[in-house]
C-alpha atoms as a PDB file:
ATOM      1  CA  MET A   1       0.000   0.000   0.000  1.00  0.00           C
ATOM      2  CA  GLN A   2       1.279   3.431  -0.923  1.00  0.00           C
ATOM      3  CA  HIS A   3       1.092   5.960   1.898  1.00  0.00           C
ATOM      4  CA  THR A   4       0.428   9.628   1.328  1.00  0.00           C
ATOM      5  CA  ARG A   5       2.042  12.534   3.140  1.00  0.00           C
ATOM      6  CA  ASP A   6       0.246  13.098   6.424  1.00  0.00           C
ATOM      7  CA  LYS A   7       0.978  14.163   9.991  1.00  0.00           C
ATOM      8  CA  ASP A   8       2.378  10.737  11.002  1.00  0.00           C
ATOM      9  CA  ALA A   9       4.600  10.463   7.915  1.00  0.00           C
ATOM     10  CA  ILE A  10       6.069  13.919   8.567  1.00  0.00           C
ATOM     11  CA  LEU A  11       6.556  13.199  12.284  1.00  0.00           C
ATOM     12  CA  GLN A  12       8.391   9.984  11.426  1.00  0.00           C
ATOM     13  CA  LEU A  13      10.858  11.986   9.310  1.00  0.00           C
ATOM     14  CA  LEU A  14      11.244  14.694  11.965  1.00  0.00           C
ATOM     15  CA  ASN A  15      11.602  12.359  14.946  1.00  0.00           C
ATOM     16  CA  LYS A  16      13.305   9.262  13.536  1.00  0.00           C
ATOM     17  CA  VAL A  17      15.155   9.998  10.297  1.00  0.00           C
ATOM     18  CA  LEU A  18      16.483  13.545  10.841  1.00  0.00           C
ATOM     19  CA  PRO A  19      18.049  12.873  14.276  1.00  0.00           C
ATOM     20  CA  LYS A  20      19.940   9.832  12.906  1.00  0.00           C
ATOM     21  CA  LEU A  21      21.165  11.855   9.930  1.00  0.00           C
ATOM     22  CA  ALA A  22      22.177  14.725  12.231  1.00  0.00           C
ATOM     23  CA  GLU A  23      24.287  12.318  14.332  1.00  0.00           C
ATOM     24  CA  ARG A  24      26.129  11.073  11.253  1.00  0.00           C
ATOM     25  CA  ILE A  25      26.642  14.588   9.898  1.00  0.00           C
ATOM     26  CA  HIS A  26      27.963  15.767  13.266  1.00  0.00           C
ATOM     27  CA  ALA A  27      30.432  12.855  13.332  1.00  0.00           C
ATOM     28  CA  ASN A  28      31.571  13.633   9.766  1.00  0.00           C
ATOM     29  CA  LEU A  29      32.144  17.303  10.647  1.00  0.00           C
ATOM     30  CA  GLU A  30      34.092  16.711  13.899  1.00  0.00           C
ATOM     31  CA  PRO A  31      37.431  17.586  12.232  1.00  0.00           C
ATOM     32  CA  VAL A  32      36.227  21.016  11.005  1.00  0.00           C
ATOM     33  CA  LEU A  33      34.151  22.096  14.010  1.00  0.00           C
ATOM     34  CA  PRO A  34      37.150  23.378  16.037  1.00  0.00           C
ATOM     35  CA  LEU A  35      37.881  25.852  13.206  1.00  0.00           C
ATOM     36  CA  PHE A  36      34.681  27.758  14.063  1.00  0.00           C
ATOM     37  CA  ASP A  37      33.555  29.648  17.176  1.00  0.00           C
ATOM     38  CA  ASP A  38      29.989  28.369  17.051  1.00  0.00           C
ATOM     39  CA  TYR A  39      28.148  25.416  15.575  1.00  0.00           C
ATOM     40  CA  LYS A  40      24.386  24.885  15.227  1.00  0.00           C
ATOM     41  CA  LEU A  41      22.665  21.955  13.559  1.00  0.00           C
ATOM     42  CA  GLU A  42      18.894  22.011  13.876  1.00  0.00           C
ATOM     43  CA  LYS A  43      15.740  20.541  12.404  1.00  0.00           C
ATOM     44  CA  VAL A  44      13.676  22.916  10.302  1.00  0.00           C
ATOM     45  CA  THR A  45      10.096  22.763   9.071  1.00  0.00           C
ATOM     46  CA  ASP A  46       8.888  24.948   6.209  1.00  0.00           C
ATOM     47  CA  THR A  47       5.486  26.332   7.189  1.00  0.00           C
ATOM     48  CA  TRP A  48       5.513  28.982   4.452  1.00  0.00           C
ATOM     49  CA  THR A  49       5.320  27.048   1.201  1.00  0.00           C
ATOM     50  CA  LYS A  50       1.727  26.307   0.195  1.00  0.00           C
ATOM     51  CA  ASP A  51       0.719  22.927  -1.168  1.00  0.00           C
ATOM     52  CA  PRO A  52      -0.480  23.662  -4.707  1.00  0.00           C
ATOM     53  CA  HIS A  53      -3.298  21.118  -4.230  1.00  0.00           C
ATOM     54  CA  ALA A  54      -4.410  22.448  -0.840  1.00  0.00           C
ATOM     55  CA  ASP A  55      -7.329  24.577   0.131  1.00  0.00           C
ATOM     56  CA  ASP A  56      -6.261  28.232   0.566  1.00  0.00           C
ATOM     57  CA  ASP A  57      -7.821  28.356   4.032  1.00  0.00           C
ATOM     58  CA  THR A  58      -5.847  25.412   5.430  1.00  0.00           C
ATOM     59  CA  GLU A  59      -2.980  26.409   7.718  1.00  0.00           C
ATOM     60  CA  ILE A  60       0.375  24.887   6.769  1.00  0.00           C
ATOM     61  CA  SER A  61       1.496  22.698   9.671  1.00  0.00           C
ATOM     62  CA  VAL A  62       2.818  19.279  10.592  1.00  0.00           C
ATOM     63  CA  GLU A  63      -0.498  18.750  12.404  1.00  0.00           C
ATOM     64  CA  ASN A  64      -2.383  19.229   9.121  1.00  0.00           C
ATOM     65  CA  GLY A  65       0.089  17.008   7.240  1.00  0.00           C
ATOM     66  CA  ASN A  66       0.609  19.586   4.483  1.00  0.00           C
ATOM     67  CA  VAL A  67       4.195  20.741   5.089  1.00  0.00           C
ATOM     68  CA  GLN A  68       6.177  20.789   1.825  1.00  0.00           C
ATOM     69  CA  GLN A  69       9.715  20.637   3.243  1.00  0.00           C
ATOM     70  CA  VAL A  70      11.557  19.570   6.365  1.00  0.00           C
ATOM     71  CA  GLY A  71      15.266  19.212   6.859  1.00  0.00           C
ATOM     72  CA  LEU A  72      18.418  20.117   8.706  1.00  0.00           C
ATOM     73  CA  LYS A  73      20.003  23.547   8.841  1.00  0.00           C
ATOM     74  CA  LEU A  74      23.659  23.918   9.729  1.00  0.00           C
ATOM     75  CA  ARG A  75      25.298  27.170  10.693  1.00  0.00           C
ATOM     76  CA  LEU A  76      29.015  27.481  11.384  1.00  0.00           C
ATOM     77  CA  GLU A  77      30.034  30.906  12.659  1.00  0.00           C
ATOM     78  CA  GLY A  78      33.327  32.674  13.174  1.00  0.00           C
ATOM     79  CA  PHE A  79      35.893  30.746  11.154  1.00  0.00           C
ATOM     80  CA  GLN A  80      39.222  31.313  12.892  1.00  0.00           C
ATOM     81  CA  ARG A  81      42.553  30.676  11.260  1.00  0.00           C
ATOM     82  CA  ALA A  82      45.642  32.830  10.993  1.00  0.00           C
ATOM     83  CA  GLY A  83      45.998  34.395   7.561  1.00  0.00           C
ATOM     84  CA  ALA A  84      42.364  33.800   6.566  1.00  0.00           C
ATOM     85  CA  ASP A  85      39.421  36.161   6.796  1.00  0.00           C
ATOM     86  CA  ALA A  86      36.773  35.179   9.328  1.00  0.00           C
ATOM     87  CA  PHE A  87      33.499  33.970   7.821  1.00  0.00           C
ATOM     88  CA  ASP A  88      30.261  32.162   8.606  1.00  0.00           C
ATOM     89  CA  ILE A  89      28.746  29.394   6.503  1.00  0.00           C
ATOM     90  CA  ALA A  90      25.256  27.900   6.358  1.00  0.00           C
ATOM     91  CA  LYS A  91      23.969  24.819   4.571  1.00  0.00           C
ATOM     92  CA  ASN A  92      20.630  23.042   4.381  1.00  0.00           C
ATOM     93  CA  LEU A  93      19.651  19.435   3.826  1.00  0.00           C
ATOM     94  CA  ILE A  94      16.151  19.492   2.371  1.00  0.00           C
ATOM     95  CA  PHE A  95      13.495  16.798   2.387  1.00  0.00           C
ATOM     96  CA  LYS A  96      11.078  17.837  -0.366  1.00  0.00           C
ATOM     97  CA  LEU A  97       7.744  16.257   0.526  1.00  0.00           C
ATOM     98  CA  GLU A  98       5.525  15.185  -2.348  1.00  0.00           C
ATOM     99  CA  LEU A  99       2.167  13.455  -2.049  1.00  0.00           C
ATOM    100  CA  TYR A 100       3.418   9.828  -2.084  1.00  0.00           C
ATOM    101  CA  ASP A 101       7.172  10.157  -1.646  1.00  0.00           C
ATOM    102  CA  TYR A 102       9.965  12.559  -0.787  1.00  0.00           C
ATOM    103  CA  SER A 103      13.402  13.426  -2.080  1.00  0.00           C
ATOM    104  CA  VAL A 104      16.519  14.393  -0.168  1.00  0.00           C
ATOM    105  CA  GLY A 105      19.139  16.878  -1.370  1.00  0.00           C
ATOM    106  CA  THR A 106      20.338  20.444  -0.965  1.00  0.00           C
ATOM    107  CA  GLY A 107      17.202  21.908  -2.490  1.00  0.00           C
ATOM    108  CA  LYS A 108      18.917  23.167  -5.629  1.00  0.00           C
ATOM    109  CA  GLY A 109      17.114  20.814  -7.971  1.00  0.00           C
ATOM    110  CA  ASN A 110      19.272  17.867  -7.001  1.00  0.00           C
ATOM    111  CA  ALA A 111      17.877  14.760  -5.353  1.00  0.00           C
ATOM    112  CA  TRP A 112      20.352  12.288  -3.942  1.00  0.00           C
ATOM    113  CA  LEU A 113      17.722   9.880  -2.698  1.00  0.00           C
ATOM    114  CA  GLU A 114      14.007   9.325  -3.179  1.00  0.00           C
ATOM    115  CA  LYS A 115      11.896   7.337  -0.722  1.00  0.00           C
ATOM    116  CA  GLN A 116       8.275   6.512  -0.093  1.00  0.00           C
ATOM    117  CA  TYR A 117       6.790   7.469   3.268  1.00  0.00           C
ATOM    118  CA  TYR A 118       7.389   4.809   5.942  1.00  0.00           C
ATOM    119  CA  GLU A 119      10.035   3.126   3.766  1.00  0.00           C
ATOM    120  CA  SER A 120      12.936   2.331   6.093  1.00  0.00           C
ATOM    121  CA  TRP A 121      16.329   3.896   5.602  1.00  0.00           C
ATOM    122  CA  THR A 122      19.282   1.528   5.417  1.00  0.00           C
ATOM    123  CA  ASP A 123      22.496   2.363   7.271  1.00  0.00           C
ATOM    124  CA  SER A 124      24.260   2.737   3.928  1.00  0.00           C
ATOM    125  CA  GLU A 125      21.640   5.257   2.717  1.00  0.00           C
ATOM    126  CA  MET A 126      22.056   7.250   5.950  1.00  0.00           C
ATOM    127  CA  ASP A 127      25.834   7.202   5.565  1.00  0.00           C
ATOM    128  CA  GLU A 128      25.692   8.044   1.863  1.00  0.00           C
ATOM    129  CA  VAL A 129      23.503  11.136   2.344  1.00  0.00           C
ATOM    130  CA  ALA A 130      25.467  12.316   5.408  1.00  0.00           C
ATOM    131  CA  VAL A 131      28.829  11.858   3.646  1.00  0.00           C
ATOM    132  CA  LYS A 132      27.714  13.548   0.420  1.00  0.00           C
ATOM    133  CA  TRP A 133      26.297  16.537   2.304  1.00  0.00           C
ATOM    134  CA  SER A 134      29.339  16.793   4.590  1.00  0.00           C
ATOM    135  CA  GLU A 135      31.739  16.583   1.634  1.00  0.00           C
ATOM    136  CA  GLU A 136      29.879  19.426  -0.113  1.00  0.00           C
ATOM    137  CA  LEU A 137      30.097  21.534   3.049  1.00  0.00           C
ATOM    138  CA  ILE A 138      33.818  20.843   3.502  1.00  0.00           C
ATOM    139  CA  GLU A 139      34.386  21.737  -0.172  1.00  0.00           C
ATOM    140  CA  GLU A 140      32.537  25.054   0.376  1.00  0.00           C
ATOM    141  CA  ILE A 141      34.680  25.773   3.452  1.00  0.00           C
ATOM    142  CA  THR A 142      37.845  24.929   1.501  1.00  0.00           C
ATOM    143  CA  GLN A 143      36.843  27.292  -1.317  1.00  0.00           C
ATOM    144  CA  ARG A 144      36.102  30.104   1.146  1.00  0.00           C
ATOM    145  CA  VAL A 145      39.475  29.640   2.837  1.00  0.00           C
ATOM    146  CA  ALA A 146      41.205  29.646  -0.542  1.00  0.00           C
ATOM    147  CA  GLY A 147      39.314  32.829  -1.478  1.00  0.00           C
ATOM    148  CA  ILE A 148      37.419  31.188  -4.339  1.00  0.00           C
ATOM    149  CA  GLY A 149      33.827  32.118  -5.027  1.00  0.00           C
ATOM    150  CA  GLU A 150      33.655  35.216  -2.833  1.00  0.00           C
END
């Protein structure tokens, strides 16, 4: 049976999948965290984007099961290294929620993984997404330090 996006499906992502991904991402970023003054990794829920199929009067909320995106937001502040300008960096991991499935990526039109609601994540899928996202972040940090793309 194919499940549709609803309150329980969204809560499962927020309470089961995102925390496990956040743990893996945190572990992957351990080597770069000391380079920054502050580190925040938090769950986010988009309550602004309207479902194109929804009634205009329906409030966008997890409770109503009509949220379009959830994810993780990372913010690293105050890069500190001699000879380099201080900077902050932010990066999102976006779960784009469709009616019957969702995709995971950075939200720039790329989807690294697509899953149906309630379909279990394997350890290798968790690792793959966490590593890919962490590698992109480390590449962005490297480019900033090298003065590329400013």
